[in-house]
PDB file of all heavy atoms in Angstrom:
ATOM      1  N   LEU A   1       0.823  -1.194   0.000  1.00  0.00           N
ATOM      2  CA  LEU A   1       0.000   0.000   0.000  1.00  0.00           C
ATOM      3  C   LEU A   1       0.865   1.255   0.000  1.00  0.00           C
ATOM      4  O   LEU A   1       0.646   2.176  -0.801  1.00  0.00           O
ATOM      5  CB  LEU A   1      -0.923   0.000   1.214  1.00  0.00           C
ATOM      6  CG  LEU A   1      -1.809   1.243   1.387  1.00  0.00           C
ATOM      7  CD1 LEU A   1      -2.774   1.392   0.219  1.00  0.00           C
ATOM      8  CD2 LEU A   1      -2.565   1.179   2.710  1.00  0.00           C
ATOM      9  N   ASP A   2       1.867   1.298   0.871  1.00  0.00           N
ATOM     10  CA  ASP A   2       2.732   2.475   0.953  1.00  0.00           C
ATOM     11  C   ASP A   2       3.518   2.688  -0.335  1.00  0.00           C
ATOM     12  O   ASP A   2       3.773   3.830  -0.739  1.00  0.00           O
ATOM     13  CB  ASP A   2       3.691   2.345   2.134  1.00  0.00           C
ATOM     14  CG  ASP A   2       2.997   2.565   3.472  1.00  0.00           C
ATOM     15  OD1 ASP A   2       1.804   2.945   3.471  1.00  0.00           O
ATOM     16  OD2 ASP A   2       3.633   2.362   4.516  1.00  0.00           O
ATOM     17  N   ASP A   3       3.901   1.595  -0.970  1.00  0.00           N
ATOM     18  CA  ASP A   3       4.620   1.718  -2.242  1.00  0.00           C
ATOM     19  C   ASP A   3       3.748   2.405  -3.284  1.00  0.00           C
ATOM     20  O   ASP A   3       4.192   3.330  -3.984  1.00  0.00           O
ATOM     21  CB  ASP A   3       5.051   0.343  -2.737  1.00  0.00           C
ATOM     22  CG  ASP A   3       5.625   0.394  -4.145  1.00  0.00           C
ATOM     23  OD1 ASP A   3       6.730   0.947  -4.322  1.00  0.00           O
ATOM     24  OD2 ASP A   3       4.973  -0.111  -5.082  1.00  0.00           O
ATOM     25  N   ALA A   4       2.499   1.973  -3.417  1.00  0.00           N
ATOM     26  CA  ALA A   4       1.598   2.560  -4.407  1.00  0.00           C
ATOM     27  C   ALA A   4       1.334   4.026  -4.105  1.00  0.00           C
ATOM     28  O   ALA A   4       1.376   4.887  -4.998  1.00  0.00           O
ATOM     29  CB  ALA A   4       0.288   1.782  -4.450  1.00  0.00           C
ATOM     30  N   VAL A   5       1.045   4.334  -2.840  1.00  0.00           N
ATOM     31  CA  VAL A   5       0.761   5.716  -2.456  1.00  0.00           C
ATOM     32  C   VAL A   5       1.997   6.587  -2.667  1.00  0.00           C
ATOM     33  O   VAL A   5       1.895   7.729  -3.149  1.00  0.00           O
ATOM     34  CB  VAL A   5       0.281   5.783  -0.997  1.00  0.00           C
ATOM     35  CG1 VAL A   5       0.064   7.239  -0.567  1.00  0.00           C
ATOM     36  CG2 VAL A   5      -1.005   4.983  -0.822  1.00  0.00           C
ATOM     37  N   SER A   6       3.166   6.060  -2.353  1.00  0.00           N
ATOM     38  CA  SER A   6       4.409   6.820  -2.527  1.00  0.00           C
ATOM     39  C   SER A   6       4.640   7.184  -3.985  1.00  0.00           C
ATOM     40  O   SER A   6       5.099   8.293  -4.296  1.00  0.00           O
ATOM     41  CB  SER A   6       5.601   6.007  -2.009  1.00  0.00           C
ATOM     42  OG  SER A   6       5.508   5.793  -0.621  1.00  0.00           O
ATOM     43  N   ARG A   7       4.351   6.258  -4.881  1.00  0.00           N
ATOM     44  CA  ARG A   7       4.539   6.521  -6.310  1.00  0.00           C
ATOM     45  C   ARG A   7       3.651   7.678  -6.773  1.00  0.00           C
ATOM     46  O   ARG A   7       4.059   8.511  -7.585  1.00  0.00           O
ATOM     47  CB  ARG A   7       4.225   5.253  -7.118  1.00  0.00           C
ATOM     48  CG  ARG A   7       5.252   4.139  -6.948  1.00  0.00           C
ATOM     49  CD  ARG A   7       4.778   2.830  -7.559  1.00  0.00           C
ATOM     50  NE  ARG A   7       5.749   1.765  -7.407  1.00  0.00           N
ATOM     51  CZ  ARG A   7       6.676   1.436  -8.311  1.00  0.00           C
ATOM     52  NH1 ARG A   7       6.731   2.089  -9.463  1.00  0.00           N
ATOM     53  NH2 ARG A   7       7.524   0.462  -8.088  1.00  0.00           N
ATOM     54  N   ILE A   8       2.427   7.733  -6.265  1.00  0.00           N
ATOM     55  CA  ILE A   8       1.502   8.805  -6.642  1.00  0.00           C
ATOM     56  C   ILE A   8       1.920  10.134  -6.006  1.00  0.00           C
ATOM     57  O   ILE A   8       1.960  11.177  -6.672  1.00  0.00           O
ATOM     58  CB  ILE A   8       0.070   8.427  -6.231  1.00  0.00           C
ATOM     59  CG1 ILE A   8      -0.388   7.197  -7.030  1.00  0.00           C
ATOM     60  CG2 ILE A   8      -0.893   9.598  -6.431  1.00  0.00           C
ATOM     61  CD1 ILE A   8      -1.596   6.494  -6.448  1.00  0.00           C
ATOM     62  N   LEU A   9       2.244  10.089  -4.709  1.00  0.00           N
ATOM     63  CA  LEU A   9       2.660  11.307  -4.022  1.00  0.00           C
ATOM     64  C   LEU A   9       3.929  11.893  -4.626  1.00  0.00           C
ATOM     65  O   LEU A   9       4.096  13.121  -4.669  1.00  0.00           O
ATOM     66  CB  LEU A   9       2.891  11.022  -2.535  1.00  0.00           C
ATOM     67  CG  LEU A   9       1.652  10.700  -1.703  1.00  0.00           C
ATOM     68  CD1 LEU A   9       2.057  10.350  -0.274  1.00  0.00           C
ATOM     69  CD2 LEU A   9       0.668  11.874  -1.712  1.00  0.00           C
ATOM     70  N   TYR A  10       4.818  11.026  -5.115  1.00  0.00           N
ATOM     71  CA  TYR A  10       6.078  11.509  -5.692  1.00  0.00           C
ATOM     72  C   TYR A  10       5.805  12.546  -6.778  1.00  0.00           C
ATOM     73  O   TYR A  10       6.458  13.602  -6.831  1.00  0.00           O
ATOM     74  CB  TYR A  10       6.887  10.350  -6.267  1.00  0.00           C
ATOM     75  CG  TYR A  10       8.141  10.817  -6.984  1.00  0.00           C
ATOM     76  CD1 TYR A  10       9.316  11.050  -6.279  1.00  0.00           C
ATOM     77  CD2 TYR A  10       8.130  11.064  -8.362  1.00  0.00           C
ATOM     78  CE1 TYR A  10      10.457  11.511  -6.926  1.00  0.00           C
ATOM     79  CE2 TYR A  10       9.262  11.529  -9.015  1.00  0.00           C
ATOM     80  CZ  TYR A  10      10.422  11.742  -8.297  1.00  0.00           C
ATOM     81  OH  TYR A  10      11.547  12.202  -8.939  1.00  0.00           O
ATOM     82  N   TYR A  11       4.845  12.256  -7.650  1.00  0.00           N
ATOM     83  CA  TYR A  11       4.597  13.180  -8.756  1.00  0.00           C
ATOM     84  C   TYR A  11       3.840  14.423  -8.319  1.00  0.00           C
ATOM     85  O   TYR A  11       3.951  15.481  -8.945  1.00  0.00           O
ATOM     86  CB  TYR A  11       3.911  12.448  -9.907  1.00  0.00           C
ATOM     87  CG  TYR A  11       4.931  11.652 -10.682  1.00  0.00           C
ATOM     88  CD1 TYR A  11       5.111  10.293 -10.446  1.00  0.00           C
ATOM     89  CD2 TYR A  11       5.773  12.279 -11.582  1.00  0.00           C
ATOM     90  CE1 TYR A  11       6.088   9.574 -11.120  1.00  0.00           C
ATOM     91  CE2 TYR A  11       6.754  11.572 -12.263  1.00  0.00           C
ATOM     92  CZ  TYR A  11       6.909  10.231 -12.025  1.00  0.00           C
ATOM     93  OH  TYR A  11       7.884   9.536 -12.678  1.00  0.00           O
ATOM     94  N   LYS A  12       3.109  14.343  -7.236  1.00  0.00           N
ATOM     95  CA  LYS A  12       2.493  15.556  -6.704  1.00  0.00           C
ATOM     96  C   LYS A  12       3.570  16.484  -6.137  1.00  0.00           C
ATOM     97  O   LYS A  12       3.495  17.708  -6.302  1.00  0.00           O
ATOM     98  CB  LYS A  12       1.455  15.194  -5.644  1.00  0.00           C
ATOM     99  CG  LYS A  12       0.258  14.428  -6.211  1.00  0.00           C
ATOM    100  CD  LYS A  12      -0.839  14.194  -5.190  1.00  0.00           C
ATOM    101  CE  LYS A  12      -2.039  13.496  -5.845  1.00  0.00           C
ATOM    102  NZ  LYS A  12      -3.181  13.351  -4.930  1.00  0.00           N
ATOM    103  N   PHE A  13       4.571  15.908  -5.513  1.00  0.00           N
ATOM    104  CA  PHE A  13       5.711  16.703  -5.062  1.00  0.00           C
ATOM    105  C   PHE A  13       6.546  17.180  -6.249  1.00  0.00           C
ATOM    106  O   PHE A  13       6.962  18.340  -6.310  1.00  0.00           O
ATOM    107  CB  PHE A  13       6.589  15.883  -4.114  1.00  0.00           C
ATOM    108  CG  PHE A  13       6.048  15.749  -2.719  1.00  0.00           C
ATOM    109  CD1 PHE A  13       5.620  14.527  -2.239  1.00  0.00           C
ATOM    110  CD2 PHE A  13       5.966  16.849  -1.876  1.00  0.00           C
ATOM    111  CE1 PHE A  13       5.121  14.391  -0.956  1.00  0.00           C
ATOM    112  CE2 PHE A  13       5.471  16.726  -0.582  1.00  0.00           C
ATOM    113  CZ  PHE A  13       5.044  15.489  -0.117  1.00  0.00           C
ATOM    114  N   LYS A  14       6.795  16.294  -7.193  1.00  0.00           N
ATOM    115  CA  LYS A  14       7.619  16.624  -8.358  1.00  0.00           C
ATOM    116  C   LYS A  14       7.039  17.797  -9.135  1.00  0.00           C
ATOM    117  O   LYS A  14       7.780  18.675  -9.609  1.00  0.00           O
ATOM    118  CB  LYS A  14       7.716  15.392  -9.274  1.00  0.00           C
ATOM    119  CG  LYS A  14       8.463  15.607 -10.581  1.00  0.00           C
ATOM    120  CD  LYS A  14       9.952  15.652 -10.394  1.00  0.00           C
ATOM    121  CE  LYS A  14      10.680  15.672 -11.729  1.00  0.00           C
ATOM    122  NZ  LYS A  14      12.137  15.819 -11.557  1.00  0.00           N
ATOM    123  N   LEU A  15       5.717  17.841  -9.254  1.00  0.00           N
ATOM    124  CA  LEU A  15       5.051  18.922  -9.978  1.00  0.00           C
ATOM    125  C   LEU A  15       4.992  20.225  -9.174  1.00  0.00           C
ATOM    126  O   LEU A  15       4.553  21.252  -9.692  1.00  0.00           O
ATOM    127  CB  LEU A  15       3.625  18.501 -10.353  1.00  0.00           C
ATOM    128  CG  LEU A  15       3.504  17.425 -11.432  1.00  0.00           C
ATOM    129  CD1 LEU A  15       2.079  16.881 -11.491  1.00  0.00           C
ATOM    130  CD2 LEU A  15       3.902  17.983 -12.794  1.00  0.00           C
ATOM    131  N   GLY A  16       5.398  20.173  -7.909  1.00  0.00           N
ATOM    132  CA  GLY A  16       5.389  21.376  -7.081  1.00  0.00           C
ATOM    133  C   GLY A  16       4.022  21.748  -6.549  1.00  0.00           C
ATOM    134  O   GLY A  16       3.792  22.900  -6.155  1.00  0.00           O
ATOM    135  N   LEU A  17       3.114  20.776  -6.493  1.00  0.00           N
ATOM    136  CA  LEU A  17       1.750  21.084  -6.085  1.00  0.00           C
ATOM    137  C   LEU A  17       1.615  21.339  -4.588  1.00  0.00           C
ATOM    138  O   LEU A  17       0.672  22.003  -4.158  1.00  0.00           O
ATOM    139  CB  LEU A  17       0.809  19.952  -6.504  1.00  0.00           C
ATOM    140  CG  LEU A  17       0.703  19.706  -8.010  1.00  0.00           C
ATOM    141  CD1 LEU A  17      -0.258  18.557  -8.299  1.00  0.00           C
ATOM    142  CD2 LEU A  17       0.264  20.969  -8.739  1.00  0.00           C
ATOM    143  N   PHE A  18       2.537  20.821  -3.788  1.00  0.00           N
ATOM    144  CA  PHE A  18       2.471  21.094  -2.348  1.00  0.00           C
ATOM    145  C   PHE A  18       2.903  22.528  -2.050  1.00  0.00           C
ATOM    146  O   PHE A  18       2.456  23.120  -1.064  1.00  0.00           O
ATOM    147  CB  PHE A  18       3.330  20.098  -1.573  1.00  0.00           C
ATOM    148  CG  PHE A  18       2.668  18.765  -1.372  1.00  0.00           C
ATOM    149  CD1 PHE A  18       2.787  17.764  -2.327  1.00  0.00           C
ATOM    150  CD2 PHE A  18       1.905  18.510  -0.248  1.00  0.00           C
ATOM    151  CE1 PHE A  18       2.177  16.534  -2.155  1.00  0.00           C
ATOM    152  CE2 PHE A  18       1.273  17.285  -0.067  1.00  0.00           C
ATOM    153  CZ  PHE A  18       1.412  16.293  -1.024  1.00  0.00           C
ATOM    154  N   GLU A  19       3.771  23.091  -2.908  1.00  0.00           N
ATOM    155  CA  GLU A  19       4.194  24.475  -2.726  1.00  0.00           C
ATOM    156  C   GLU A  19       3.143  25.437  -3.295  1.00  0.00           C
ATOM    157  O   GLU A  19       2.836  26.464  -2.692  1.00  0.00           O
ATOM    158  CB  GLU A  19       5.537  24.728  -3.425  1.00  0.00           C
ATOM    159  CG  GLU A  19       6.732  24.137  -2.692  1.00  0.00           C
ATOM    160  CD  GLU A  19       6.725  22.612  -2.716  1.00  0.00           C
ATOM    161  OE1 GLU A  19       6.869  22.031  -3.812  1.00  0.00           O
ATOM    162  OE2 GLU A  19       6.566  22.013  -1.623  1.00  0.00           O
ATOM    163  N   ASP A  20       2.607  25.100  -4.463  1.00  0.00           N
ATOM    164  CA  ASP A  20       1.596  25.944  -5.097  1.00  0.00           C
ATOM    165  C   ASP A  20       0.584  25.047  -5.803  1.00  0.00           C
ATOM    166  O   ASP A  20       0.770  24.683  -6.958  1.00  0.00           O
ATOM    167  CB  ASP A  20       2.238  26.908  -6.092  1.00  0.00           C
ATOM    168  CG  ASP A  20       1.219  27.850  -6.724  1.00  0.00           C
ATOM    169  OD1 ASP A  20       0.016  27.745  -6.401  1.00  0.00           O
ATOM    170  OD2 ASP A  20       1.620  28.694  -7.548  1.00  0.00           O
ATOM    171  N   PRO A  21      -0.478  24.674  -5.115  1.00  0.00           N
ATOM    172  CA  PRO A  21      -1.463  23.752  -5.696  1.00  0.00           C
ATOM    173  C   PRO A  21      -2.171  24.312  -6.927  1.00  0.00           C
ATOM    174  O   PRO A  21      -2.775  23.563  -7.695  1.00  0.00           O
ATOM    175  CB  PRO A  21      -2.464  23.533  -4.557  1.00  0.00           C
ATOM    176  CG  PRO A  21      -1.795  24.023  -3.327  1.00  0.00           C
ATOM    177  CD  PRO A  21      -0.847  25.086  -3.764  1.00  0.00           C
ATOM    178  N   TYR A  22      -2.098  25.636  -7.119  1.00  0.00           N
ATOM    179  CA  TYR A  22      -2.867  26.288  -8.179  1.00  0.00           C
ATOM    180  C   TYR A  22      -1.972  26.784  -9.319  1.00  0.00           C
ATOM    181  O   TYR A  22      -2.415  27.559 -10.170  1.00  0.00           O
ATOM    182  CB  TYR A  22      -3.650  27.467  -7.593  1.00  0.00           C
ATOM    183  CG  TYR A  22      -4.268  27.161  -6.253  1.00  0.00           C
ATOM    184  CD1 TYR A  22      -3.824  27.790  -5.091  1.00  0.00           C
ATOM    185  CD2 TYR A  22      -5.277  26.196  -6.140  1.00  0.00           C
ATOM    186  CE1 TYR A  22      -4.373  27.484  -3.856  1.00  0.00           C
ATOM    187  CE2 TYR A  22      -5.833  25.890  -4.903  1.00  0.00           C
ATOM    188  CZ  TYR A  22      -5.372  26.533  -3.766  1.00  0.00           C
ATOM    189  OH  TYR A  22      -5.921  26.215  -2.539  1.00  0.00           O
ATOM    190  N   LYS A  23      -0.721  26.336  -9.335  1.00  0.00           N
ATOM    191  CA  LYS A  23       0.229  26.878 -10.297  1.00  0.00           C
ATOM    192  C   LYS A  23      -0.173  26.591 -11.748  1.00  0.00           C
ATOM    193  O   LYS A  23       0.202  27.330 -12.649  1.00  0.00           O
ATOM    194  CB  LYS A  23       1.633  26.328 -10.014  1.00  0.00           C
ATOM    195  CG  LYS A  23       1.760  24.823 -10.143  1.00  0.00           C
ATOM    196  CD  LYS A  23       3.124  24.320  -9.645  1.00  0.00           C
ATOM    197  CE  LYS A  23       4.267  24.768 -10.510  1.00  0.00           C
ATOM    198  NZ  LYS A  23       5.544  24.120 -10.115  1.00  0.00           N
ATOM    199  N   PHE A  24      -0.937  25.543 -11.979  1.00  0.00           N
ATOM    200  CA  PHE A  24      -1.374  25.226 -13.331  1.00  0.00           C
ATOM    201  C   PHE A  24      -2.712  25.897 -13.680  1.00  0.00           C
ATOM    202  O   PHE A  24      -3.102  25.908 -14.841  1.00  0.00           O
ATOM    203  CB  PHE A  24      -1.520  23.707 -13.506  1.00  0.00           C
ATOM    204  CG  PHE A  24      -0.204  22.978 -13.551  1.00  0.00           C
ATOM    205  CD1 PHE A  24       0.490  22.686 -12.392  1.00  0.00           C
ATOM    206  CD2 PHE A  24       0.346  22.589 -14.757  1.00  0.00           C
ATOM    207  CE1 PHE A  24       1.700  22.016 -12.425  1.00  0.00           C
ATOM    208  CE2 PHE A  24       1.563  21.911 -14.809  1.00  0.00           C
ATOM    209  CZ  PHE A  24       2.245  21.630 -13.637  1.00  0.00           C
ATOM    210  N   SER A  25      -3.388  26.417 -12.673  1.00  0.00           N
ATOM    211  CA  SER A  25      -4.726  26.991 -12.872  1.00  0.00           C
ATOM    212  C   SER A  25      -4.638  28.502 -13.003  1.00  0.00           C
ATOM    213  O   SER A  25      -5.021  29.252 -12.101  1.00  0.00           O
ATOM    214  CB  SER A  25      -5.640  26.585 -11.711  1.00  0.00           C
ATOM    215  OG  SER A  25      -5.711  25.179 -11.606  1.00  0.00           O
ATOM    216  N   ASP A  26      -4.136  28.934 -14.128  1.00  0.00           N
ATOM    217  CA  ASP A  26      -3.871  30.353 -14.369  1.00  0.00           C
ATOM    218  C   ASP A  26      -4.760  30.815 -15.527  1.00  0.00           C
ATOM    219  O   ASP A  26      -4.485  30.523 -16.698  1.00  0.00           O
ATOM    220  CB  ASP A  26      -2.392  30.537 -14.707  1.00  0.00           C
ATOM    221  CG  ASP A  26      -1.997  31.993 -14.884  1.00  0.00           C
ATOM    222  OD1 ASP A  26      -2.865  32.817 -15.208  1.00  0.00           O
ATOM    223  OD2 ASP A  26      -0.797  32.306 -14.729  1.00  0.00           O
ATOM    224  N   GLU A  27      -5.826  31.518 -15.211  1.00  0.00           N
ATOM    225  CA  GLU A  27      -6.784  31.927 -16.244  1.00  0.00           C
ATOM    226  C   GLU A  27      -6.170  32.869 -17.271  1.00  0.00           C
ATOM    227  O   GLU A  27      -6.514  32.824 -18.454  1.00  0.00           O
ATOM    228  CB  GLU A  27      -8.002  32.587 -15.592  1.00  0.00           C
ATOM    229  CG  GLU A  27      -8.868  31.612 -14.808  1.00  0.00           C
ATOM    230  CD  GLU A  27     -10.114  32.279 -14.251  1.00  0.00           C
ATOM    231  OE1 GLU A  27     -10.957  32.701 -15.068  1.00  0.00           O
ATOM    232  OE2 GLU A  27     -10.223  32.372 -13.011  1.00  0.00           O
ATOM    233  N   ARG A  28      -5.244  33.716 -16.847  1.00  0.00           N
ATOM    234  CA  ARG A  28      -4.604  34.619 -17.808  1.00  0.00           C
ATOM    235  C   ARG A  28      -3.756  33.825 -18.795  1.00  0.00           C
ATOM    236  O   ARG A  28      -3.830  34.038 -20.010  1.00  0.00           O
ATOM    237  CB  ARG A  28      -3.732  35.640 -17.072  1.00  0.00           C
ATOM    238  CG  ARG A  28      -3.151  36.717 -18.015  1.00  0.00           C
ATOM    239  CD  ARG A  28      -1.936  37.380 -17.411  1.00  0.00           C
ATOM    240  NE  ARG A  28      -0.854  36.425 -17.233  1.00  0.00           N
ATOM    241  CZ  ARG A  28      -0.048  36.027 -18.218  1.00  0.00           C
ATOM    242  NH1 ARG A  28      -0.233  36.479 -19.450  1.00  0.00           N
ATOM    243  NH2 ARG A  28       0.911  35.161 -17.972  1.00  0.00           N
ATOM    244  N   ARG A  29      -2.959  32.897 -18.280  1.00  0.00           N
ATOM    245  CA  ARG A  29      -2.137  32.076 -19.176  1.00  0.00           C
ATOM    246  C   ARG A  29      -3.017  31.230 -20.089  1.00  0.00           C
ATOM    247  O   ARG A  29      -2.718  31.041 -21.268  1.00  0.00           O
ATOM    248  CB  ARG A  29      -1.196  31.175 -18.362  1.00  0.00           C
ATOM    249  CG  ARG A  29      -0.253  30.339 -19.241  1.00  0.00           C
ATOM    250  CD  ARG A  29       0.896  29.778 -18.431  1.00  0.00           C
ATOM    251  NE  ARG A  29       0.523  28.694 -17.569  1.00  0.00           N
ATOM    252  CZ  ARG A  29       0.583  27.396 -17.915  1.00  0.00           C
ATOM    253  NH1 ARG A  29       0.993  27.054 -19.123  1.00  0.00           N
ATOM    254  NH2 ARG A  29       0.237  26.465 -17.063  1.00  0.00           N
ATOM    255  N   GLU A  30      -4.114  30.728 -19.550  1.00  0.00           N
ATOM    256  CA  GLU A  30      -5.036  29.936 -20.357  1.00  0.00           C
ATOM    257  C   GLU A  30      -5.568  30.759 -21.533  1.00  0.00           C
ATOM    258  O   GLU A  30      -5.616  30.286 -22.676  1.00  0.00           O
ATOM    259  CB  GLU A  30      -6.194  29.455 -19.487  1.00  0.00           C
ATOM    260  CG  GLU A  30      -7.198  28.572 -20.206  1.00  0.00           C
ATOM    261  CD  GLU A  30      -8.321  28.134 -19.273  1.00  0.00           C
ATOM    262  OE1 GLU A  30      -8.684  28.914 -18.361  1.00  0.00           O
ATOM    263  OE2 GLU A  30      -8.833  27.013 -19.449  1.00  0.00           O
ATOM    264  N   SER A  31      -5.929  32.008 -21.284  1.00  0.00           N
ATOM    265  CA  SER A  31      -6.544  32.831 -22.328  1.00  0.00           C
ATOM    266  C   SER A  31      -5.575  33.159 -23.449  1.00  0.00           C
ATOM    267  O   SER A  31      -5.982  33.295 -24.611  1.00  0.00           O
ATOM    268  CB  SER A  31      -7.100  34.121 -21.718  1.00  0.00           C
ATOM    269  OG  SER A  31      -6.049  34.959 -21.254  1.00  0.00           O
ATOM    270  N   VAL A  32      -4.287  33.278 -23.155  1.00  0.00           N
ATOM    271  CA  VAL A  32      -3.319  33.645 -24.204  1.00  0.00           C
ATOM    272  C   VAL A  32      -2.652  32.433 -24.836  1.00  0.00           C
ATOM    273  O   VAL A  32      -1.963  32.573 -25.853  1.00  0.00           O
ATOM    274  CB  VAL A  32      -2.236  34.596 -23.643  1.00  0.00           C
ATOM    275  CG1 VAL A  32      -2.866  35.876 -23.124  1.00  0.00           C
ATOM    276  CG2 VAL A  32      -1.405  33.917 -22.560  1.00  0.00           C
ATOM    277  N   THR A  33      -2.863  31.267 -24.255  1.00  0.00           N
ATOM    278  CA  THR A  33      -2.182  30.073 -24.759  1.00  0.00           C
ATOM    279  C   THR A  33      -3.040  29.295 -25.742  1.00  0.00           C
ATOM    280  O   THR A  33      -2.563  28.866 -26.798  1.00  0.00           O
ATOM    281  CB  THR A  33      -1.783  29.154 -23.585  1.00  0.00           C
ATOM    282  OG1 THR A  33      -0.899  29.860 -22.712  1.00  0.00           O
ATOM    283  CG2 THR A  33      -1.072  27.901 -24.098  1.00  0.00           C
ATOM    284  N   LEU A  34      -4.302  29.087 -25.413  1.00  0.00           N
ATOM    285  CA  LEU A  34      -5.139  28.221 -26.233  1.00  0.00           C
ATOM    286  C   LEU A  34      -5.334  28.797 -27.636  1.00  0.00           C
ATOM    287  O   LEU A  34      -5.666  29.966 -27.809  1.00  0.00           O
ATOM    288  CB  LEU A  34      -6.510  28.017 -25.577  1.00  0.00           C
ATOM    289  CG  LEU A  34      -6.529  27.444 -24.160  1.00  0.00           C
ATOM    290  CD1 LEU A  34      -7.947  27.069 -23.763  1.00  0.00           C
ATOM    291  CD2 LEU A  34      -5.591  26.261 -24.011  1.00  0.00           C
ATOM    292  N   LEU A  35      -5.093  27.941 -28.617  1.00  0.00           N
ATOM    293  CA  LEU A  35      -5.320  28.273 -30.023  1.00  0.00           C
ATOM    294  C   LEU A  35      -4.561  29.547 -30.431  1.00  0.00           C
ATOM    295  O   LEU A  35      -5.051  30.352 -31.221  1.00  0.00           O
ATOM    296  CB  LEU A  35      -6.821  28.435 -30.296  1.00  0.00           C
ATOM    297  CG  LEU A  35      -7.310  28.074 -31.707  1.00  0.00           C
ATOM    298  CD1 LEU A  35      -7.160  26.590 -31.982  1.00  0.00           C
ATOM    299  CD2 LEU A  35      -8.761  28.490 -31.895  1.00  0.00           C
ATOM    300  N   ASN A  36      -3.361  29.736 -29.887  1.00  0.00           N
ATOM    301  CA  ASN A  36      -2.602  30.922 -30.283  1.00  0.00           C
ATOM    302  C   ASN A  36      -2.004  30.738 -31.673  1.00  0.00           C
ATOM    303  O   ASN A  36      -1.936  29.629 -32.201  1.00  0.00           O
ATOM    304  CB  ASN A  36      -1.532  31.270 -29.240  1.00  0.00           C
ATOM    305  CG  ASN A  36      -0.409  30.252 -29.175  1.00  0.00           C
ATOM    306  OD1 ASN A  36       0.273  29.984 -30.170  1.00  0.00           O
ATOM    307  ND2 ASN A  36      -0.189  29.678 -27.997  1.00  0.00           N
ATOM    308  N   ASP A  37      -1.568  31.828 -32.277  1.00  0.00           N
ATOM    309  CA  ASP A  37      -1.117  31.807 -33.675  1.00  0.00           C
ATOM    310  C   ASP A  37       0.051  30.848 -33.893  1.00  0.00           C
ATOM    311  O   ASP A  37       0.126  30.175 -34.929  1.00  0.00           O
ATOM    312  CB  ASP A  37      -0.722  33.218 -34.110  1.00  0.00           C
ATOM    313  CG  ASP A  37      -1.914  34.152 -34.223  1.00  0.00           C
ATOM    314  OD1 ASP A  37      -3.055  33.648 -34.262  1.00  0.00           O
ATOM    315  OD2 ASP A  37      -1.708  35.380 -34.269  1.00  0.00           O
ATOM    316  N   LYS A  38       0.961  30.791 -32.929  1.00  0.00           N
ATOM    317  CA  LYS A  38       2.120  29.912 -33.062  1.00  0.00           C
ATOM    318  C   LYS A  38       1.701  28.457 -33.146  1.00  0.00           C
ATOM    319  O   LYS A  38       2.206  27.686 -33.981  1.00  0.00           O
ATOM    320  CB  LYS A  38       3.063  30.120 -31.870  1.00  0.00           C
ATOM    321  CG  LYS A  38       4.290  29.219 -31.877  1.00  0.00           C
ATOM    322  CD  LYS A  38       5.130  29.457 -30.627  1.00  0.00           C
ATOM    323  CE  LYS A  38       6.319  28.497 -30.565  1.00  0.00           C
ATOM    324  NZ  LYS A  38       7.120  28.707 -29.322  1.00  0.00           N
ATOM    325  N   PHE A  39       0.758  28.064 -32.301  1.00  0.00           N
ATOM    326  CA  PHE A  39       0.307  26.673 -32.288  1.00  0.00           C
ATOM    327  C   PHE A  39      -0.494  26.344 -33.546  1.00  0.00           C
ATOM    328  O   PHE A  39      -0.382  25.251 -34.096  1.00  0.00           O
ATOM    329  CB  PHE A  39      -0.527  26.404 -31.038  1.00  0.00           C
ATOM    330  CG  PHE A  39       0.266  26.433 -29.744  1.00  0.00           C
ATOM    331  CD1 PHE A  39      -0.365  26.280 -28.527  1.00  0.00           C
ATOM    332  CD2 PHE A  39       1.641  26.603 -29.753  1.00  0.00           C
ATOM    333  CE1 PHE A  39       0.352  26.296 -27.338  1.00  0.00           C
ATOM    334  CE2 PHE A  39       2.373  26.631 -28.567  1.00  0.00           C
ATOM    335  CZ  PHE A  39       1.729  26.482 -27.360  1.00  0.00           C
ATOM    336  N   VAL A  40      -1.310  27.285 -33.989  1.00  0.00           N
ATOM    337  CA  VAL A  40      -2.111  27.060 -35.194  1.00  0.00           C
ATOM    338  C   VAL A  40      -1.201  26.873 -36.408  1.00  0.00           C
ATOM    339  O   VAL A  40      -1.423  25.986 -37.239  1.00  0.00           O
ATOM    340  CB  VAL A  40      -3.093  28.225 -35.409  1.00  0.00           C
ATOM    341  CG1 VAL A  40      -3.751  28.144 -36.784  1.00  0.00           C
ATOM    342  CG2 VAL A  40      -4.164  28.220 -34.323  1.00  0.00           C
TER     343      VAL A  40
END
């Protein structure tokens, strides 16, 4: 059980979510990133 939980927690730490759980939830970045000219 601890092995499985550790594997999952590792990536939550790796992604920096314990320091900033909302770092990926940026509405401003979302608005300028989706379907931008470079990606199109």
